[in-house]
Amino acid sequence: MDGNGVGATQSNTYFYISVDPGEHHFCSEWQTAVIVTAGHQVSAAHFTAEAGQVYYFRVQDFFWRDSGAANITLGPVDSDEAQLLMTKFGFSTSHPK
């Protein structure tokens, strides 16, 4: 986010961070080898955070075996949908290298 790494997930996990109010830019990218012949392996978004508000975003990846194409998308999620997804996914923790 804003040029800094803030977390990583692996297969149906989530994490959260706190941000200062204001405009923020972030992206999501596969960090391991993904053998594909086409598609988007990175996605980006921005939002303006307001004090006291909560924002949810989801990264989804899609792989089509027939064509070998893979895509990754990043976008906002409704708070009810986010709460439901978090009950089904594991929490991802990270540690500085």
PDB file of N, CA and C in Angstrom:
ATOM      1  N   MET A   1       0.853  -1.170   0.000  1.00  0.00           N
ATOM      2  CA  MET A   1       0.000   0.000   0.000  1.00  0.00           C
ATOM      3  C   MET A   1       0.899   1.233   0.000  1.00  0.00           C
ATOM      4  N   ASP A   2       0.575   2.159  -0.867  1.00  0.00           N
ATOM      5  CA  ASP A   2       1.337   3.402  -0.967  1.00  0.00           C
ATOM      6  C   ASP A   2       2.832   3.129  -1.126  1.00  0.00           C
ATOM      7  N   GLY A   3       3.162   2.073  -1.868  1.00  0.00           N
ATOM      8  CA  GLY A   3       4.554   1.744  -2.154  1.00  0.00           C
ATOM      9  C   GLY A   3       5.225   0.835  -1.139  1.00  0.00           C
ATOM     10  N   ASN A   4       4.503   0.375  -0.133  1.00  0.00           N
ATOM     11  CA  ASN A   4       5.073  -0.494   0.898  1.00  0.00           C
ATOM     12  C   ASN A   4       4.316  -1.814   0.978  1.00  0.00           C
ATOM     13  N   GLY A   5       5.026  -2.897   1.225  1.00  0.00           N
ATOM     14  CA  GLY A   5       4.391  -4.188   1.452  1.00  0.00           C
ATOM     15  C   GLY A   5       3.677  -4.180   2.795  1.00  0.00           C
ATOM     16  N   VAL A   6       2.449  -4.667   2.834  1.00  0.00           N
ATOM     17  CA  VAL A   6       1.685  -4.655   4.091  1.00  0.00           C
ATOM     18  C   VAL A   6       1.190  -6.033   4.519  1.00  0.00           C
ATOM     19  N   GLY A   7       1.273  -7.028   3.665  1.00  0.00           N
ATOM     20  CA  GLY A   7       0.793  -8.345   4.059  1.00  0.00           C
ATOM     21  C   GLY A   7       0.748  -9.301   2.893  1.00  0.00           C
ATOM     22  N   ALA A   8       0.495 -10.553   3.214  1.00  0.00           N
ATOM     23  CA  ALA A   8       0.397 -11.593   2.199  1.00  0.00           C
ATOM     24  C   ALA A   8      -0.637 -12.616   2.630  1.00  0.00           C
ATOM     25  N   THR A   9      -1.233 -13.245   1.666  1.00  0.00           N
ATOM     26  CA  THR A   9      -2.196 -14.301   1.941  1.00  0.00           C
ATOM     27  C   THR A   9      -1.849 -15.512   1.103  1.00  0.00           C
ATOM     28  N   GLN A  10      -2.449 -16.626   1.476  1.00  0.00           N
ATOM     29  CA  GLN A  10      -2.295 -17.840   0.694  1.00  0.00           C
ATOM     30  C   GLN A  10      -3.595 -18.612   0.756  1.00  0.00           C
ATOM     31  N   SER A  11      -4.237 -18.768  -0.357  1.00  0.00           N
ATOM     32  CA  SER A  11      -5.403 -19.624  -0.495  1.00  0.00           C
ATOM     33  C   SER A  11      -6.442 -19.463   0.621  1.00  0.00           C
ATOM     34  N   ASN A  12      -7.379 -18.590   0.392  1.00  0.00           N
ATOM     35  CA  ASN A  12      -8.520 -18.394   1.291  1.00  0.00           C
ATOM     36  C   ASN A  12      -8.122 -17.932   2.691  1.00  0.00           C
ATOM     37  N   THR A  13      -7.305 -16.901   2.747  1.00  0.00           N
ATOM     38  CA  THR A  13      -6.952 -16.272   4.006  1.00  0.00           C
ATOM     39  C   THR A  13      -7.156 -14.771   3.880  1.00  0.00           C
ATOM     40  N   TYR A  14      -7.118 -14.077   5.013  1.00  0.00           N
ATOM     41  CA  TYR A  14      -7.294 -12.635   5.001  1.00  0.00           C
ATOM     42  C   TYR A  14      -6.375 -11.994   6.031  1.00  0.00           C
ATOM     43  N   PHE A  15      -6.175 -10.698   5.901  1.00  0.00           N
ATOM     44  CA  PHE A  15      -5.476  -9.921   6.909  1.00  0.00           C
ATOM     45  C   PHE A  15      -6.072  -8.530   6.925  1.00  0.00           C
ATOM     46  N   TYR A  16      -5.718  -7.741   7.929  1.00  0.00           N
ATOM     47  CA  TYR A  16      -6.210  -6.371   7.991  1.00  0.00           C
ATOM     48  C   TYR A  16      -5.091  -5.444   8.443  1.00  0.00           C
ATOM     49  N   ILE A  17      -5.239  -4.184   8.098  1.00  0.00           N
ATOM     50  CA  ILE A  17      -4.289  -3.148   8.496  1.00  0.00           C
ATOM     51  C   ILE A  17      -5.063  -1.888   8.850  1.00  0.00           C
ATOM     52  N   SER A  18      -4.448  -1.011   9.601  1.00  0.00           N
ATOM     53  CA  SER A  18      -5.009   0.308   9.891  1.00  0.00           C
ATOM     54  C   SER A  18      -4.274   1.320   9.029  1.00  0.00           C
ATOM     55  N   VAL A  19      -5.013   2.306   8.532  1.00  0.00           N
ATOM     56  CA  VAL A  19      -4.407   3.346   7.704  1.00  0.00           C
ATOM     57  C   VAL A  19      -4.852   4.711   8.211  1.00  0.00           C
ATOM     58  N   ASP A  20      -4.040   5.704   7.930  1.00  0.00           N
ATOM     59  CA  ASP A  20      -4.399   7.082   8.255  1.00  0.00           C
ATOM     60  C   ASP A  20      -5.457   7.580   7.284  1.00  0.00           C
ATOM     61  N   PRO A  21      -6.274   8.542   7.672  1.00  0.00           N
ATOM     62  CA  PRO A  21      -7.226   9.128   6.726  1.00  0.00           C
ATOM     63  C   PRO A  21      -6.491   9.715   5.527  1.00  0.00           C
ATOM     64  N   GLY A  22      -7.170   9.688   4.389  1.00  0.00           N
ATOM     65  CA  GLY A  22      -6.609  10.240   3.164  1.00  0.00           C
ATOM     66  C   GLY A  22      -6.623   9.232   2.032  1.00  0.00           C
ATOM     67  N   GLU A  23      -6.062   9.618   0.909  1.00  0.00           N
ATOM     68  CA  GLU A  23      -6.046   8.773  -0.279  1.00  0.00           C
ATOM     69  C   GLU A  23      -4.934   7.732  -0.184  1.00  0.00           C
ATOM     70  N   HIS A  24      -5.272   6.503  -0.555  1.00  0.00           N
ATOM     71  CA  HIS A  24      -4.321   5.401  -0.526  1.00  0.00           C
ATOM     72  C   HIS A  24      -4.393   4.616  -1.825  1.00  0.00           C
ATOM     73  N   HIS A  25      -3.240   4.097  -2.240  1.00  0.00           N
ATOM     74  CA  HIS A  25      -3.119   3.302  -3.458  1.00  0.00           C
ATOM     75  C   HIS A  25      -2.524   1.956  -3.077  1.00  0.00           C
ATOM     76  N   PHE A  26      -3.084   0.892  -3.632  1.00  0.00           N
ATOM     77  CA  PHE A  26      -2.539  -0.415  -3.331  1.00  0.00           C
ATOM     78  C   PHE A  26      -2.683  -1.352  -4.504  1.00  0.00           C
ATOM     79  N   CYS A  27      -1.910  -2.418  -4.467  1.00  0.00           N
ATOM     80  CA  CYS A  27      -1.962  -3.416  -5.531  1.00  0.00           C
ATOM     81  C   CYS A  27      -1.801  -4.807  -4.927  1.00  0.00           C
ATOM     82  N   SER A  28      -2.148  -5.788  -5.720  1.00  0.00           N
ATOM     83  CA  SER A  28      -1.991  -7.175  -5.338  1.00  0.00           C
ATOM     84  C   SER A  28      -1.329  -7.889  -6.500  1.00  0.00           C
ATOM     85  N   GLU A  29      -0.400  -8.778  -6.175  1.00  0.00           N
ATOM     86  CA  GLU A  29       0.361  -9.461  -7.222  1.00  0.00           C
ATOM     87  C   GLU A  29       0.743 -10.845  -6.747  1.00  0.00           C
ATOM     88  N   TRP A  30       0.711 -11.818  -7.685  1.00  0.00           N
ATOM     89  CA  TRP A  30       1.212 -13.137  -7.348  1.00  0.00           C
ATOM     90  C   TRP A  30       2.686 -13.021  -7.031  1.00  0.00           C
ATOM     91  N   GLN A  31       3.106 -13.635  -5.931  1.00  0.00           N
ATOM     92  CA  GLN A  31       4.504 -13.561  -5.519  1.00  0.00           C
ATOM     93  C   GLN A  31       5.263 -14.852  -5.777  1.00  0.00           C
ATOM     94  N   THR A  32       4.603 -15.863  -6.286  1.00  0.00           N
ATOM     95  CA  THR A  32       5.263 -17.116  -6.611  1.00  0.00           C
ATOM     96  C   THR A  32       5.070 -17.375  -8.088  1.00  0.00           C
ATOM     97  N   ALA A  33       5.786 -18.333  -8.595  1.00  0.00           N
ATOM     98  CA  ALA A  33       5.694 -18.661 -10.017  1.00  0.00           C
ATOM     99  C   ALA A  33       4.292 -19.175 -10.348  1.00  0.00           C
ATOM    100  N   VAL A  34       3.679 -18.556 -11.309  1.00  0.00           N
ATOM    101  CA  VAL A  34       2.395 -19.008 -11.836  1.00  0.00           C
ATOM    102  C   VAL A  34       2.596 -19.206 -13.318  1.00  0.00           C
ATOM    103  N   ILE A  35       2.458 -20.416 -13.783  1.00  0.00           N
ATOM    104  CA  ILE A  35       2.698 -20.708 -15.190  1.00  0.00           C
ATOM    105  C   ILE A  35       1.434 -20.382 -15.963  1.00  0.00           C
ATOM    106  N   VAL A  36       1.526 -19.315 -16.722  1.00  0.00           N
ATOM    107  CA  VAL A  36       0.380 -18.864 -17.511  1.00  0.00           C
ATOM    108  C   VAL A  36       0.878 -18.396 -18.863  1.00  0.00           C
ATOM    109  N   THR A  37      -0.013 -18.412 -19.834  1.00  0.00           N
ATOM    110  CA  THR A  37       0.348 -17.927 -21.159  1.00  0.00           C
ATOM    111  C   THR A  37      -0.218 -16.546 -21.420  1.00  0.00           C
ATOM    112  N   ALA A  38      -1.165 -16.115 -20.621  1.00  0.00           N
ATOM    113  CA  ALA A  38      -1.776 -14.798 -20.812  1.00  0.00           C
ATOM    114  C   ALA A  38      -2.493 -14.414 -19.529  1.00  0.00           C
ATOM    115  N   GLY A  39      -2.929 -13.182 -19.478  1.00  0.00           N
ATOM    116  CA  GLY A  39      -3.722 -12.749 -18.338  1.00  0.00           C
ATOM    117  C   GLY A  39      -3.016 -11.690 -17.524  1.00  0.00           C
ATOM    118  N   HIS A  40      -3.703 -11.219 -16.504  1.00  0.00           N
ATOM    119  CA  HIS A  40      -3.185 -10.170 -15.621  1.00  0.00           C
ATOM    120  C   HIS A  40      -2.778 -10.795 -14.299  1.00  0.00           C
ATOM    121  N   GLN A  41      -1.519 -10.626 -13.912  1.00  0.00           N
ATOM    122  CA  GLN A  41      -1.032 -11.198 -12.673  1.00  0.00           C
ATOM    123  C   GLN A  41      -0.881 -10.135 -11.586  1.00  0.00           C
ATOM    124  N   VAL A  42      -1.376  -8.933 -11.843  1.00  0.00           N
ATOM    125  CA  VAL A  42      -1.345  -7.859 -10.861  1.00  0.00           C
ATOM    126  C   VAL A  42      -2.614  -7.025 -11.033  1.00  0.00           C
ATOM    127  N   SER A  43      -3.103  -6.446  -9.946  1.00  0.00           N
ATOM    128  CA  SER A  43      -4.280  -5.600 -10.000  1.00  0.00           C
ATOM    129  C   SER A  43      -4.087  -4.459  -9.003  1.00  0.00           C
ATOM    130  N   ALA A  44      -4.677  -3.295  -9.281  1.00  0.00           N
ATOM    131  CA  ALA A  44      -4.488  -2.126  -8.426  1.00  0.00           C
ATOM    132  C   ALA A  44      -5.817  -1.426  -8.172  1.00  0.00           C
ATOM    133  N   ALA A  45      -5.854  -0.663  -7.077  1.00  0.00           N
ATOM    134  CA  ALA A  45      -7.045   0.113  -6.713  1.00  0.00           C
ATOM    135  C   ALA A  45      -6.612   1.267  -5.820  1.00  0.00           C
ATOM    136  N   HIS A  46      -7.513   2.212  -5.631  1.00  0.00           N
ATOM    137  CA  HIS A  46      -7.259   3.301  -4.686  1.00  0.00           C
ATOM    138  C   HIS A  46      -8.556   3.611  -3.956  1.00  0.00           C
ATOM    139  N   PHE A  47      -8.426   4.246  -2.799  1.00  0.00           N
ATOM    140  CA  PHE A  47      -9.598   4.686  -2.051  1.00  0.00           C
ATOM    141  C   PHE A  47      -9.189   5.823  -1.132  1.00  0.00           C
ATOM    142  N   THR A  48     -10.170   6.561  -0.677  1.00  0.00           N
ATOM    143  CA  THR A  48      -9.933   7.640   0.278  1.00  0.00           C
ATOM    144  C   THR A  48     -10.516   7.218   1.616  1.00  0.00           C
ATOM    145  N   ALA A  49      -9.644   7.022   2.595  1.00  0.00           N
ATOM    146  CA  ALA A  49     -10.063   6.578   3.920  1.00  0.00           C
ATOM    147  C   ALA A  49     -10.530   7.772   4.747  1.00  0.00           C
ATOM    148  N   GLU A  50     -11.615   7.565   5.454  1.00  0.00           N
ATOM    149  CA  GLU A  50     -12.130   8.562   6.395  1.00  0.00           C
ATOM    150  C   GLU A  50     -11.945   8.030   7.808  1.00  0.00           C
ATOM    151  N   ALA A  51     -11.646   8.904   8.749  1.00  0.00           N
ATOM    152  CA  ALA A  51     -11.431   8.508  10.142  1.00  0.00           C
ATOM    153  C   ALA A  51     -12.643   7.736  10.672  1.00  0.00           C
ATOM    154  N   GLY A  52     -12.390   6.624  11.351  1.00  0.00           N
ATOM    155  CA  GLY A  52     -13.446   5.845  11.976  1.00  0.00           C
ATOM    156  C   GLY A  52     -14.188   4.900  11.048  1.00  0.00           C
ATOM    157  N   GLN A  53     -13.854   4.868   9.775  1.00  0.00           N
ATOM    158  CA  GLN A  53     -14.545   4.004   8.821  1.00  0.00           C
ATOM    159  C   GLN A  53     -13.758   2.715   8.590  1.00  0.00           C
ATOM    160  N   VAL A  54     -14.461   1.683   8.131  1.00  0.00           N
ATOM    161  CA  VAL A  54     -13.851   0.399   7.809  1.00  0.00           C
ATOM    162  C   VAL A  54     -14.106   0.116   6.341  1.00  0.00           C
ATOM    163  N   TYR A  55     -13.075  -0.349   5.648  1.00  0.00           N
ATOM    164  CA  TYR A  55     -13.166  -0.651   4.223  1.00  0.00           C
ATOM    165  C   TYR A  55     -12.692  -2.076   4.000  1.00  0.00           C
ATOM    166  N   TYR A  56     -13.363  -2.791   3.116  1.00  0.00           N
ATOM    167  CA  TYR A  56     -13.025  -4.171   2.819  1.00  0.00           C
ATOM    168  C   TYR A  56     -12.717  -4.300   1.334  1.00  0.00           C
ATOM    169  N   PHE A  57     -11.667  -5.046   1.029  1.00  0.00           N
ATOM    170  CA  PHE A  57     -11.287  -5.324  -0.350  1.00  0.00           C
ATOM    171  C   PHE A  57     -10.989  -6.804  -0.478  1.00  0.00           C
ATOM    172  N   ARG A  58     -11.228  -7.335  -1.668  1.00  0.00           N
ATOM    173  CA  ARG A  58     -10.987  -8.755  -1.925  1.00  0.00           C
ATOM    174  C   ARG A  58     -10.124  -8.905  -3.164  1.00  0.00           C
ATOM    175  N   VAL A  59      -9.190  -9.821  -3.066  1.00  0.00           N
ATOM    176  CA  VAL A  59      -8.377 -10.222  -4.216  1.00  0.00           C
ATOM    177  C   VAL A  59      -8.868 -11.595  -4.636  1.00  0.00           C
ATOM    178  N   GLN A  60      -9.149 -11.741  -5.916  1.00  0.00           N
ATOM    179  CA  GLN A  60      -9.564 -13.036  -6.444  1.00  0.00           C
ATOM    180  C   GLN A  60      -8.658 -13.385  -7.605  1.00  0.00           C
ATOM    181  N   ASP A  61      -8.299 -14.661  -7.692  1.00  0.00           N
ATOM    182  CA  ASP A  61      -7.546 -15.105  -8.855  1.00  0.00           C
ATOM    183  C   ASP A  61      -8.349 -16.167  -9.585  1.00  0.00           C
ATOM    184  N   PHE A  62      -8.187 -16.167 -10.867  1.00  0.00           N
ATOM    185  CA  PHE A  62      -8.908 -17.086 -11.740  1.00  0.00           C
ATOM    186  C   PHE A  62      -7.906 -17.727 -12.688  1.00  0.00           C
ATOM    187  N   PHE A  63      -7.999 -19.007 -12.871  1.00  0.00           N
ATOM    188  CA  PHE A  63      -7.126 -19.728 -13.792  1.00  0.00           C
ATOM    189  C   PHE A  63      -7.992 -20.602 -14.682  1.00  0.00           C
ATOM    190  N   TRP A  64      -7.859 -20.418 -15.981  1.00  0.00           N
ATOM    191  CA  TRP A  64      -8.621 -21.206 -16.946  1.00  0.00           C
ATOM    192  C   TRP A  64      -7.705 -22.249 -17.553  1.00  0.00           C
ATOM    193  N   ARG A  65      -7.932 -23.499 -17.188  1.00  0.00           N
ATOM    194  CA  ARG A  65      -7.056 -24.584 -17.645  1.00  0.00           C
ATOM    195  C   ARG A  65      -7.062 -24.738 -19.169  1.00  0.00           C
ATOM    196  N   ASP A  66      -8.202 -24.514 -19.793  1.00  0.00           N
ATOM    197  CA  ASP A  66      -8.282 -24.706 -21.245  1.00  0.00           C
ATOM    198  C   ASP A  66      -7.356 -23.760 -22.001  1.00  0.00           C
ATOM    199  N   SER A  67      -7.298 -22.507 -21.587  1.00  0.00           N
ATOM    200  CA  SER A  67      -6.486 -21.524 -22.306  1.00  0.00           C
ATOM    201  C   SER A  67      -5.147 -21.262 -21.630  1.00  0.00           C
ATOM    202  N   GLY A  68      -5.010 -21.667 -20.373  1.00  0.00           N
ATOM    203  CA  GLY A  68      -3.789 -21.393 -19.638  1.00  0.00           C
ATOM    204  C   GLY A  68      -3.706 -19.968 -19.135  1.00  0.00           C
ATOM    205  N   ALA A  69      -4.782 -19.191 -19.276  1.00  0.00           N
ATOM    206  CA  ALA A  69      -4.773 -17.792 -18.857  1.00  0.00           C
ATOM    207  C   ALA A  69      -5.118 -17.683 -17.384  1.00  0.00           C
ATOM    208  N   ALA A  70      -4.520 -16.708 -16.740  1.00  0.00           N
ATOM    209  CA  ALA A  70      -4.810 -16.441 -15.328  1.00  0.00           C
ATOM    210  C   ALA A  70      -5.032 -14.950 -15.155  1.00  0.00           C
ATOM    211  N   ASN A  71      -5.933 -14.600 -14.283  1.00  0.00           N
ATOM    212  CA  ASN A  71      -6.215 -13.197 -13.981  1.00  0.00           C
ATOM    213  C   ASN A  71      -6.337 -13.019 -12.482  1.00  0.00           C
ATOM    214  N   ILE A  72      -6.009 -11.833 -12.030  1.00  0.00           N
ATOM    215  CA  ILE A  72      -6.164 -11.481 -10.630  1.00  0.00           C
ATOM    216  C   ILE A  72      -6.944 -10.171 -10.589  1.00  0.00           C
ATOM    217  N   THR A  73      -7.933 -10.085  -9.696  1.00  0.00           N
ATOM    218  CA  THR A  73      -8.726  -8.864  -9.566  1.00  0.00           C
ATOM    219  C   THR A  73      -8.702  -8.399  -8.113  1.00  0.00           C
ATOM    220  N   LEU A  74      -8.813  -7.099  -7.933  1.00  0.00           N
ATOM    221  CA  LEU A  74      -8.809  -6.473  -6.618  1.00  0.00           C
ATOM    222  C   LEU A  74      -9.929  -5.450  -6.604  1.00  0.00           C
ATOM    223  N   GLY A  75     -10.826  -5.554  -5.626  1.00  0.00           N
ATOM    224  CA  GLY A  75     -11.931  -4.605  -5.587  1.00  0.00           C
ATOM    225  C   GLY A  75     -12.621  -4.558  -4.244  1.00  0.00           C
ATOM    226  N   PRO A  76     -13.452  -3.542  -4.029  1.00  0.00           N
ATOM    227  CA  PRO A  76     -14.164  -3.387  -2.758  1.00  0.00           C
ATOM    228  C   PRO A  76     -15.205  -4.479  -2.562  1.00  0.00           C
ATOM    229  N   VAL A  77     -15.500  -4.745  -1.291  1.00  0.00           N
ATOM    230  CA  VAL A  77     -16.492  -5.755  -0.919  1.00  0.00           C
ATOM    231  C   VAL A  77     -17.451  -5.140   0.093  1.00  0.00           C
ATOM    232  N   ASP A  78     -18.715  -5.426  -0.036  1.00  0.00           N
ATOM    233  CA  ASP A  78     -19.731  -5.003   0.910  1.00  0.00           C
ATOM    234  C   ASP A  78     -19.385  -5.533   2.307  1.00  0.00           C
ATOM    235  N   SER A  79     -19.645  -4.754   3.337  1.00  0.00           N
ATOM    236  CA  SER A  79     -19.274  -5.144   4.700  1.00  0.00           C
ATOM    237  C   SER A  79     -19.942  -6.450   5.138  1.00  0.00           C
ATOM    238  N   ASP A  80     -21.179  -6.691   4.750  1.00  0.00           N
ATOM    239  CA  ASP A  80     -21.842  -7.952   5.106  1.00  0.00           C
ATOM    240  C   ASP A  80     -21.155  -9.141   4.434  1.00  0.00           C
ATOM    241  N   GLU A  81     -20.812  -8.972   3.163  1.00  0.00           N
ATOM    242  CA  GLU A  81     -20.103 -10.033   2.434  1.00  0.00           C
ATOM    243  C   GLU A  81     -18.733 -10.282   3.073  1.00  0.00           C
ATOM    244  N   ALA A  82     -18.036  -9.219   3.444  1.00  0.00           N
ATOM    245  CA  ALA A  82     -16.722  -9.351   4.068  1.00  0.00           C
ATOM    246  C   ALA A  82     -16.813 -10.119   5.383  1.00  0.00           C
ATOM    247  N   GLN A  83     -17.800  -9.797   6.209  1.00  0.00           N
ATOM    248  CA  GLN A  83     -17.967 -10.498   7.483  1.00  0.00           C
ATOM    249  C   GLN A  83     -18.221 -11.986   7.254  1.00  0.00           C
ATOM    250  N   LEU A  84     -19.026 -12.312   6.256  1.00  0.00           N
ATOM    251  CA  LEU A  84     -19.296 -13.711   5.933  1.00  0.00           C
ATOM    252  C   LEU A  84     -18.020 -14.412   5.466  1.00  0.00           C
ATOM    253  N   LEU A  85     -17.267 -13.785   4.573  1.00  0.00           N
ATOM    254  CA  LEU A  85     -16.031 -14.390   4.072  1.00  0.00           C
ATOM    255  C   LEU A  85     -15.029 -14.620   5.200  1.00  0.00           C
ATOM    256  N   MET A  86     -14.936 -13.683   6.137  1.00  0.00           N
ATOM    257  CA  MET A  86     -13.977 -13.835   7.229  1.00  0.00           C
ATOM    258  C   MET A  86     -14.328 -14.988   8.156  1.00  0.00           C
ATOM    259  N   THR A  87     -15.596 -15.382   8.220  1.00  0.00           N
ATOM    260  CA  THR A  87     -15.948 -16.549   9.039  1.00  0.00           C
ATOM    261  C   THR A  87     -15.529 -17.849   8.357  1.00  0.00           C
ATOM    262  N   LYS A  88     -15.317 -17.804   7.068  1.00  0.00           N
ATOM    263  CA  LYS A  88     -14.967 -19.000   6.307  1.00  0.00           C
ATOM    264  C   LYS A  88     -13.476 -19.099   6.005  1.00  0.00           C
ATOM    265  N   PHE A  89     -12.745 -17.975   6.059  1.00  0.00           N
ATOM    266  CA  PHE A  89     -11.327 -17.947   5.721  1.00  0.00           C
ATOM    267  C   PHE A  89     -10.479 -17.849   6.980  1.00  0.00           C
ATOM    268  N   GLY A  90      -9.230 -18.258   6.885  1.00  0.00           N
ATOM    269  CA  GLY A  90      -8.306 -18.169   7.999  1.00  0.00           C
ATOM    270  C   GLY A  90      -7.606 -16.817   8.037  1.00  0.00           C
ATOM    271  N   PHE A  91      -7.211 -16.410   9.236  1.00  0.00           N
ATOM    272  CA  PHE A  91      -6.494 -15.151   9.410  1.00  0.00           C
ATOM    273  C   PHE A  91      -5.022 -15.377   9.092  1.00  0.00           C
ATOM    274  N   SER A  92      -4.451 -14.505   8.272  1.00  0.00           N
ATOM    275  CA  SER A  92      -3.060 -14.610   7.858  1.00  0.00           C
ATOM    276  C   SER A  92      -2.212 -13.632   8.665  1.00  0.00           C
ATOM    277  N   THR A  93      -1.169 -14.143   9.298  1.00  0.00           N
ATOM    278  CA  THR A  93      -0.251 -13.270  10.031  1.00  0.00           C
ATOM    279  C   THR A  93       1.058 -13.184   9.265  1.00  0.00           C
ATOM    280  N   SER A  94       1.753 -12.083   9.423  1.00  0.00           N
ATOM    281  CA  SER A  94       3.040 -11.924   8.746  1.00  0.00           C
ATOM    282  C   SER A  94       4.088 -11.471   9.738  1.00  0.00           C
ATOM    283  N   HIS A  95       5.315 -11.690   9.378  1.00  0.00           N
ATOM    284  CA  HIS A  95       6.447 -11.331  10.226  1.00  0.00           C
ATOM    285  C   HIS A  95       7.502 -10.648   9.372  1.00  0.00           C
ATOM    286  N   PRO A  96       8.127  -9.595   9.868  1.00  0.00           N
ATOM    287  CA  PRO A  96       9.190  -8.940   9.091  1.00  0.00           C
ATOM    288  C   PRO A  96      10.309  -9.915   8.789  1.00  0.00           C
ATOM    289  N   LYS A  97      10.910  -9.764   7.607  1.00  0.00           N
ATOM    290  CA  LYS A  97      12.035 -10.627   7.211  1.00  0.00           C
ATOM    291  C   LYS A  97      13.313 -10.147   7.854  1.00  0.00           C
TER     292      LYS A  97
END
